[in-house]
Every structure is written in C-alpha cells, then in structure tokens.
C-alpha cells in the first residue's frame, strides 16, 4: 500500500469507526441489554477501531515527506484563500492560496480561466493548484531534513513547509532554521522561526509555526 493509499485508508476507517461507535451507543440506549444487536454493534465498533489503530501505527512508521491535510488547512488559514483571480499586494495576478498567475494585474483572460468573485472556482481546483505549488517547498524541506540529525514528525515538517511557502524555498534553505535543523538543534531551530517577523504582523504566525514545530 502506497503512502497516499494508506492515508486514504486511515481516513476511511476513522469514519467507519465513528459511524460504528454512534450505532453502538444508539443501540445501547434503545435496545434491551440482552438484545444480540447490542453486542453485534459493539463488536463492529471494536473491529473498526482496531483497523483504524493499525493504520495509524503504519502511518506513524512512514517517513515524513509531504505536508498532510491538517498542515494544508493551517496554511490556508494563514495565507488566506480566494477562489478567483485577484491582484495581490504587489498588483500581480494571483489565484487561490497565493498562486502567482503572472506579473501584472488581472486581465480578462485570467477572469475567464480563473474565475471572478461572482463566478468563483471550486475548492477542489484551489486544492489541486496548491498541491502543485507545495511540491517545491516540500522538496526543500525534505532536503534539509535528509541532511540533518533530526528526524521530523509531521508537525515539524508542516511548520517548515509553512515557513518556506511564506519566505521562499531559497530563503528557507539558507535560513537559520534550516542551519539549526541540520545541526540537530531542535529548540534553536524553533526559536529561529521568530527571526522571520518582518513586517511585524507576521509575528503571530511565526509564533504559531514555532509552537507547531515543537509539538
């Protein structure tokens, strides 16, 4: 089973476990204690729970190579999202989660291809574009950890990708954060996130990324 298939399987069994749990609790309330359907529902709940836990253990043994769904959701909250073509702060045409369409302002072709506030595209399109954009940032983070004395967990990896997305792949590769990771200094690497707080409005984001890195 590939890592992507394993993640999908874990998500599927987590939903099945929740559904089985709710059915069991419902039958507990509605049925007599000696009704065999109560025991059947409990067995199904424990079975789905066991599979979900097994998938979780398998996921935990995988090397961390990509930002996960929780990390992408955090990144979207930090960056903001627009499901249509818009001009960024530098007046360049942009879409979704900071995806640069081209230098210069939005034109009619952009509006036809990438939507407008009145005709926004779906989040599925936003997610697809974001996943493609994330590849270069995930690659630079993987490279830093590959040559490091630190083994990343998912939160460490997510925090670094979030920082790289914001400051650029090159900026991350040469940052104090990356240097401290390579040296195996987790606390110093976390503290170095706070160096990237210009403009000052970024300070709360850097603090959240630091906490995530240490969690």
C-alpha atoms as a PDB file:
ATOM      1  CA  UNK A   1       0.000   0.000   0.000  1.00  0.00           C
ATOM      2  CA  UNK A   2       1.440   3.362  -1.034  1.00  0.00           C
ATOM      3  CA  UNK A   3       1.616   6.240   1.490  1.00  0.00           C
ATOM      4  CA  UNK A   4      -1.276   8.016  -0.261  1.00  0.00           C
ATOM      5  CA  UNK A   5      -3.373   4.841  -0.229  1.00  0.00           C
ATOM      6  CA  UNK A   6      -2.521   4.292   3.422  1.00  0.00           C
ATOM      7  CA  UNK A   7      -3.652   7.815   4.325  1.00  0.00           C
ATOM      8  CA  UNK A   8      -6.898   7.342   2.415  1.00  0.00           C
ATOM      9  CA  UNK A   9      -7.432   4.009   4.144  1.00  0.00           C
ATOM     10  CA  UNK A  10      -6.835   5.589   7.548  1.00  0.00           C
ATOM     11  CA  UNK A  11      -9.358   8.356   6.825  1.00  0.00           C
ATOM     12  CA  UNK A  12     -11.883   5.787   5.633  1.00  0.00           C
ATOM     13  CA  UNK A  13     -11.550   3.595   8.730  1.00  0.00           C
ATOM     14  CA  UNK A  14     -11.679   6.619  11.011  1.00  0.00           C
ATOM     15  CA  UNK A  15     -15.067   7.500   9.512  1.00  0.00           C
ATOM     16  CA  UNK A  16     -16.216   3.883   9.781  1.00  0.00           C
ATOM     17  CA  UNK A  17     -15.148   3.764  13.421  1.00  0.00           C
ATOM     18  CA  UNK A  18     -17.126   6.921  14.195  1.00  0.00           C
ATOM     19  CA  UNK A  19     -20.208   5.558  12.440  1.00  0.00           C
ATOM     20  CA  UNK A  20     -19.921   2.215  14.246  1.00  0.00           C
ATOM     21  CA  UNK A  21     -19.486   3.977  17.584  1.00  0.00           C
ATOM     22  CA  UNK A  22     -22.619   6.056  17.088  1.00  0.00           C
ATOM     23  CA  UNK A  23     -24.598   2.957  16.105  1.00  0.00           C
ATOM     24  CA  UNK A  24     -23.410   1.096  19.196  1.00  0.00           C
ATOM     25  CA  UNK A  25     -24.333   3.979  21.515  1.00  0.00           C
ATOM     26  CA  UNK A  26     -27.710   4.291  19.840  1.00  0.00           C
ATOM     27  CA  UNK A  27     -28.439   0.591  20.343  1.00  0.00           C
ATOM     28  CA  UNK A  28     -27.310   0.841  23.948  1.00  0.00           C
ATOM     29  CA  UNK A  29     -29.989   3.439  24.570  1.00  0.00           C
ATOM     30  CA  UNK A  30     -32.782   1.845  22.552  1.00  0.00           C
ATOM     31  CA  UNK A  31     -32.408  -1.915  22.993  1.00  0.00           C
ATOM     32  CA  UNK A  32     -32.710  -4.272  25.921  1.00  0.00           C
ATOM     33  CA  UNK A  33     -29.400  -5.391  27.496  1.00  0.00           C
ATOM     34  CA  UNK A  34     -29.881  -8.973  26.276  1.00  0.00           C
ATOM     35  CA  UNK A  35     -30.682  -7.957  22.687  1.00  0.00           C
ATOM     36  CA  UNK A  36     -27.945  -9.527  20.496  1.00  0.00           C
ATOM     37  CA  UNK A  37     -27.886  -6.476  18.250  1.00  0.00           C
ATOM     38  CA  UNK A  38     -26.211  -4.512  21.046  1.00  0.00           C
ATOM     39  CA  UNK A  39     -23.305  -6.972  21.210  1.00  0.00           C
ATOM     40  CA  UNK A  40     -23.116  -7.075  17.415  1.00  0.00           C
ATOM     41  CA  UNK A  41     -22.801  -3.286  17.230  1.00  0.00           C
ATOM     42  CA  UNK A  42     -20.111  -3.290  19.917  1.00  0.00           C
ATOM     43  CA  UNK A  43     -18.097  -5.956  18.095  1.00  0.00           C
ATOM     44  CA  UNK A  44     -18.313  -3.950  14.859  1.00  0.00           C
ATOM     45  CA  UNK A  45     -17.160  -0.818  16.670  1.00  0.00           C
ATOM     46  CA  UNK A  46     -14.167  -2.589  18.237  1.00  0.00           C
ATOM     47  CA  UNK A  47     -13.264  -4.164  14.883  1.00  0.00           C
ATOM     48  CA  UNK A  48     -13.248  -0.818  13.073  1.00  0.00           C
ATOM     49  CA  UNK A  49     -11.319   0.736  15.956  1.00  0.00           C
ATOM     50  CA  UNK A  50      -8.660  -1.973  15.720  1.00  0.00           C
ATOM     51  CA  UNK A  51      -8.211  -1.438  11.965  1.00  0.00           C
ATOM     52  CA  UNK A  52      -8.042   2.345  12.379  1.00  0.00           C
ATOM     53  CA  UNK A  53      -5.377   1.982  15.084  1.00  0.00           C
ATOM     54  CA  UNK A  54      -3.384  -0.406  12.895  1.00  0.00           C
ATOM     55  CA  UNK A  55      -3.469   2.066  10.022  1.00  0.00           C
ATOM     56  CA  UNK A  56      -2.355   4.816  12.418  1.00  0.00           C
ATOM     57  CA  UNK A  57       0.655   2.740  13.506  1.00  0.00           C
ATOM     58  CA  UNK A  58       1.519   2.087   9.865  1.00  0.00           C
ATOM     59  CA  UNK A  59       1.300   5.814   9.099  1.00  0.00           C
ATOM     60  CA  UNK A  60       3.490   6.653  12.073  1.00  0.00           C
ATOM     61  CA  UNK A  61       6.218   4.395  10.685  1.00  0.00           C
ATOM     62  CA  UNK A  62       6.238   6.151   7.304  1.00  0.00           C
ATOM     63  CA  UNK A  63       8.964   8.698   6.611  1.00  0.00           C
ATOM     64  CA  UNK A  64       7.517  12.211   6.565  1.00  0.00           C
ATOM     65  CA  UNK A  65       7.810  13.551   3.009  1.00  0.00           C
ATOM     66  CA  UNK A  66       4.779  15.791   2.458  1.00  0.00           C
ATOM     67  CA  UNK A  67       2.586  18.306   4.220  1.00  0.00           C
ATOM     68  CA  UNK A  68      -0.554  16.500   5.366  1.00  0.00           C
ATOM     69  CA  UNK A  69      -4.183  17.635   5.196  1.00  0.00           C
ATOM     70  CA  UNK A  70      -4.030  19.308   8.609  1.00  0.00           C
ATOM     71  CA  UNK A  71      -0.928  21.220   7.551  1.00  0.00           C
ATOM     72  CA  UNK A  72      -2.577  22.384   4.333  1.00  0.00           C
ATOM     73  CA  UNK A  73      -5.633  23.544   6.281  1.00  0.00           C
ATOM     74  CA  UNK A  74      -3.368  25.535   8.637  1.00  0.00           C
ATOM     75  CA  UNK A  75      -1.522  27.035   5.676  1.00  0.00           C
ATOM     76  CA  UNK A  76      -4.768  28.100   4.017  1.00  0.00           C
ATOM     77  CA  UNK A  77      -5.842  29.804   7.235  1.00  0.00           C
ATOM     78  CA  UNK A  78      -2.517  31.611   7.454  1.00  0.00           C
ATOM     79  CA  UNK A  79      -2.329  32.666   3.808  1.00  0.00           C
ATOM     80  CA  UNK A  80      -5.998  33.186   3.083  1.00  0.00           C
ATOM     81  CA  UNK A  81      -7.759  31.859   0.008  1.00  0.00           C
ATOM     82  CA  UNK A  82      -9.647  33.394  -2.897  1.00  0.00           C
ATOM     83  CA  UNK A  83     -11.325  31.136  -5.426  1.00  0.00           C
ATOM     84  CA  UNK A  84     -10.898  33.615  -8.260  1.00  0.00           C
ATOM     85  CA  UNK A  85      -8.250  35.719  -9.973  1.00  0.00           C
ATOM     86  CA  UNK A  86      -7.221  38.756  -7.941  1.00  0.00           C
ATOM     87  CA  UNK A  87      -4.389  41.256  -7.637  1.00  0.00           C
ATOM     88  CA  UNK A  88      -2.002  40.648  -4.763  1.00  0.00           C
ATOM     89  CA  UNK A  89      -0.353  43.399  -2.708  1.00  0.00           C
ATOM     90  CA  UNK A  90       2.211  43.908  -5.500  1.00  0.00           C
ATOM     91  CA  UNK A  91      -0.616  44.162  -8.092  1.00  0.00           C
ATOM     92  CA  UNK A  92       0.259  40.857  -9.726  1.00  0.00           C
ATOM     93  CA  UNK A  93      -2.422  38.421 -10.914  1.00  0.00           C
ATOM     94  CA  UNK A  94      -2.911  35.701  -8.303  1.00  0.00           C
ATOM     95  CA  UNK A  95      -5.307  32.814  -7.602  1.00  0.00           C
ATOM     96  CA  UNK A  96      -6.255  30.599  -4.688  1.00  0.00           C
ATOM     97  CA  UNK A  97      -3.637  30.376  -1.954  1.00  0.00           C
ATOM     98  CA  UNK A  98      -1.020  32.821  -3.235  1.00  0.00           C
ATOM     99  CA  UNK A  99      -0.598  31.161  -6.642  1.00  0.00           C
ATOM    100  CA  UNK A 100       1.050  33.705  -8.967  1.00  0.00           C
ATOM    101  CA  UNK A 101      -0.582  33.649 -12.386  1.00  0.00           C
ATOM    102  CA  UNK A 102       1.753  36.228 -13.936  1.00  0.00           C
ATOM    103  CA  UNK A 103       3.360  39.579 -13.312  1.00  0.00           C
ATOM    104  CA  UNK A 104       0.981  42.477 -13.756  1.00  0.00           C
ATOM    105  CA  UNK A 105      -2.687  42.903 -12.912  1.00  0.00           C
ATOM    106  CA  UNK A 106      -5.557  40.536 -13.627  1.00  0.00           C
ATOM    107  CA  UNK A 107      -6.843  40.680 -17.193  1.00  0.00           C
ATOM    108  CA  UNK A 108      -9.942  39.375 -18.945  1.00  0.00           C
ATOM    109  CA  UNK A 109      -8.266  36.093 -19.874  1.00  0.00           C
ATOM    110  CA  UNK A 110      -7.450  35.498 -16.213  1.00  0.00           C
ATOM    111  CA  UNK A 111     -11.059  36.126 -15.231  1.00  0.00           C
ATOM    112  CA  UNK A 112     -12.305  33.664 -17.848  1.00  0.00           C
ATOM    113  CA  UNK A 113      -9.803  30.982 -16.815  1.00  0.00           C
ATOM    114  CA  UNK A 114      -9.600  31.539 -13.049  1.00  0.00           C
ATOM    115  CA  UNK A 115     -12.977  32.933 -12.120  1.00  0.00           C
ATOM    116  CA  UNK A 116     -14.333  36.105 -10.588  1.00  0.00           C
ATOM    117  CA  UNK A 117     -15.925  36.962  -7.227  1.00  0.00           C
ATOM    118  CA  UNK A 118     -19.280  36.400  -8.930  1.00  0.00           C
ATOM    119  CA  UNK A 119     -18.149  33.113 -10.523  1.00  0.00           C
ATOM    120  CA  UNK A 120     -15.561  31.547  -8.193  1.00  0.00           C
ATOM    121  CA  UNK A 121     -13.964  28.197  -8.937  1.00  0.00           C
ATOM    122  CA  UNK A 122     -14.350  25.207  -6.636  1.00  0.00           C
ATOM    123  CA  UNK A 123     -12.143  24.439  -3.652  1.00  0.00           C
ATOM    124  CA  UNK A 124     -11.134  21.268  -5.485  1.00  0.00           C
ATOM    125  CA  UNK A 125      -9.394  23.453  -8.082  1.00  0.00           C
ATOM    126  CA  UNK A 126      -7.778  25.548  -5.338  1.00  0.00           C
ATOM    127  CA  UNK A 127      -6.529  22.396  -3.597  1.00  0.00           C
ATOM    128  CA  UNK A 128      -5.124  20.995  -6.842  1.00  0.00           C
ATOM    129  CA  UNK A 129      -3.206  24.192  -7.613  1.00  0.00           C
ATOM    130  CA  UNK A 130      -1.955  24.430  -4.028  1.00  0.00           C
ATOM    131  CA  UNK A 131      -0.745  20.813  -4.034  1.00  0.00           C
ATOM    132  CA  UNK A 132       1.291  21.518  -7.167  1.00  0.00           C
ATOM    133  CA  UNK A 133       2.727  24.723  -5.689  1.00  0.00           C
ATOM    134  CA  UNK A 134       3.671  22.944  -2.471  1.00  0.00           C
ATOM    135  CA  UNK A 135       5.908  20.437  -4.249  1.00  0.00           C
ATOM    136  CA  UNK A 136       8.957  22.725  -4.420  1.00  0.00           C
ATOM    137  CA  UNK A 137       8.593  23.772  -0.779  1.00  0.00           C
ATOM    138  CA  UNK A 138       8.147  20.191   0.384  1.00  0.00           C
ATOM    139  CA  UNK A 139      11.217  19.279  -1.673  1.00  0.00           C
ATOM    140  CA  UNK A 140      13.467  21.865   0.005  1.00  0.00           C
ATOM    141  CA  UNK A 141      12.227  20.858   3.467  1.00  0.00           C
ATOM    142  CA  UNK A 142      12.847  17.186   2.685  1.00  0.00           C
ATOM    143  CA  UNK A 143      16.358  18.058   1.555  1.00  0.00           C
ATOM    144  CA  UNK A 144      17.110  19.934   4.786  1.00  0.00           C
ATOM    145  CA  UNK A 145      15.914  17.074   6.971  1.00  0.00           C
ATOM    146  CA  UNK A 146      17.642  14.471   4.794  1.00  0.00           C
ATOM    147  CA  UNK A 147      20.999  16.003   5.708  1.00  0.00           C
ATOM    148  CA  UNK A 148      20.047  16.668   9.331  1.00  0.00           C
ATOM    149  CA  UNK A 149      20.478  14.984  12.661  1.00  0.00           C
ATOM    150  CA  UNK A 150      16.791  15.499  13.388  1.00  0.00           C
ATOM    151  CA  UNK A 151      14.050  13.063  12.382  1.00  0.00           C
ATOM    152  CA  UNK A 152      10.936  15.170  11.680  1.00  0.00           C
ATOM    153  CA  UNK A 153       7.468  14.391  12.888  1.00  0.00           C
ATOM    154  CA  UNK A 154       4.511  15.591  10.829  1.00  0.00           C
ATOM    155  CA  UNK A 155       4.098  18.830  12.787  1.00  0.00           C
ATOM    156  CA  UNK A 156       7.765  19.760  12.372  1.00  0.00           C
ATOM    157  CA  UNK A 157       7.525  19.145   8.648  1.00  0.00           C
ATOM    158  CA  UNK A 158       4.271  21.120   8.330  1.00  0.00           C
ATOM    159  CA  UNK A 159       5.726  24.107  10.209  1.00  0.00           C
ATOM    160  CA  UNK A 160       8.788  24.194   7.951  1.00  0.00           C
ATOM    161  CA  UNK A 161       6.725  23.990   4.760  1.00  0.00           C
ATOM    162  CA  UNK A 162       4.524  26.821   6.026  1.00  0.00           C
ATOM    163  CA  UNK A 163       7.608  28.955   6.649  1.00  0.00           C
ATOM    164  CA  UNK A 164       9.145  28.058   3.279  1.00  0.00           C
ATOM    165  CA  UNK A 165       5.882  28.889   1.495  1.00  0.00           C
ATOM    166  CA  UNK A 166       5.958  32.329   3.096  1.00  0.00           C
ATOM    167  CA  UNK A 167       9.656  33.214   2.725  1.00  0.00           C
ATOM    168  CA  UNK A 168      10.504  31.234  -0.410  1.00  0.00           C
ATOM    169  CA  UNK A 169      12.294  27.937  -0.973  1.00  0.00           C
ATOM    170  CA  UNK A 170      15.673  29.637  -1.284  1.00  0.00           C
ATOM    171  CA  UNK A 171      15.080  31.710   1.830  1.00  0.00           C
ATOM    172  CA  UNK A 172      14.267  28.604   3.823  1.00  0.00           C
ATOM    173  CA  UNK A 173      17.230  26.605   2.516  1.00  0.00           C
ATOM    174  CA  UNK A 174      19.675  29.274   3.698  1.00  0.00           C
ATOM    175  CA  UNK A 175      17.808  30.252   6.867  1.00  0.00           C
ATOM    176  CA  UNK A 176      18.958  29.868  10.457  1.00  0.00           C
ATOM    177  CA  UNK A 177      16.020  27.490  10.902  1.00  0.00           C
ATOM    178  CA  UNK A 178      17.481  25.137   8.278  1.00  0.00           C
ATOM    179  CA  UNK A 179      21.000  25.525   9.637  1.00  0.00           C
ATOM    180  CA  UNK A 180      19.914  24.597  13.166  1.00  0.00           C
ATOM    181  CA  UNK A 181      17.899  21.640  11.861  1.00  0.00           C
ATOM    182  CA  UNK A 182      20.983  20.326  10.059  1.00  0.00           C
ATOM    183  CA  UNK A 183      22.949  20.707  13.286  1.00  0.00           C
ATOM    184  CA  UNK A 184      20.309  18.760  15.216  1.00  0.00           C
ATOM    185  CA  UNK A 185      19.298  21.684  17.439  1.00  0.00           C
ATOM    186  CA  UNK A 186      15.510  21.415  17.612  1.00  0.00           C
ATOM    187  CA  UNK A 187      14.920  24.181  20.180  1.00  0.00           C
ATOM    188  CA  UNK A 188      17.269  26.600  18.410  1.00  0.00           C
ATOM    189  CA  UNK A 189      15.586  25.820  15.075  1.00  0.00           C
ATOM    190  CA  UNK A 190      12.182  26.545  16.602  1.00  0.00           C
ATOM    191  CA  UNK A 191      13.393  29.839  18.072  1.00  0.00           C
ATOM    192  CA  UNK A 192      14.806  30.832  14.684  1.00  0.00           C
ATOM    193  CA  UNK A 193      11.277  30.910  13.229  1.00  0.00           C
ATOM    194  CA  UNK A 194      10.846  34.159  15.180  1.00  0.00           C
ATOM    195  CA  UNK A 195      13.626  35.819  13.175  1.00  0.00           C
ATOM    196  CA  UNK A 196      11.265  36.000  10.184  1.00  0.00           C
ATOM    197  CA  UNK A 197       8.891  38.576  11.643  1.00  0.00           C
ATOM    198  CA  UNK A 198       9.218  41.444   9.192  1.00  0.00           C
ATOM    199  CA  UNK A 199       6.717  43.007   8.799  1.00  0.00           C
ATOM    200  CA  UNK A 200       5.708  42.797  12.479  1.00  0.00           C
ATOM    201  CA  UNK A 201       2.245  41.496  11.505  1.00  0.00           C
ATOM    202  CA  UNK A 202       3.948  38.164  10.800  1.00  0.00           C
ATOM    203  CA  UNK A 203       4.995  37.714  14.424  1.00  0.00           C
ATOM    204  CA  UNK A 204       1.806  35.827  15.490  1.00  0.00           C
ATOM    205  CA  UNK A 205       2.163  33.473  12.515  1.00  0.00           C
ATOM    206  CA  UNK A 206       5.813  32.788  13.362  1.00  0.00           C
ATOM    207  CA  UNK A 207       4.813  32.033  16.959  1.00  0.00           C
ATOM    208  CA  UNK A 208       2.161  29.567  15.787  1.00  0.00           C
ATOM    209  CA  UNK A 209       4.656  27.877  13.456  1.00  0.00           C
ATOM    210  CA  UNK A 210       7.188  27.690  16.281  1.00  0.00           C
ATOM    211  CA  UNK A 211       4.658  26.020  18.595  1.00  0.00           C
ATOM    212  CA  UNK A 212       3.692  23.597  15.839  1.00  0.00           C
ATOM    213  CA  UNK A 213       7.354  22.732  15.204  1.00  0.00           C
ATOM    214  CA  UNK A 214       7.849  21.901  18.894  1.00  0.00           C
ATOM    215  CA  UNK A 215       4.622  19.900  19.269  1.00  0.00           C
END
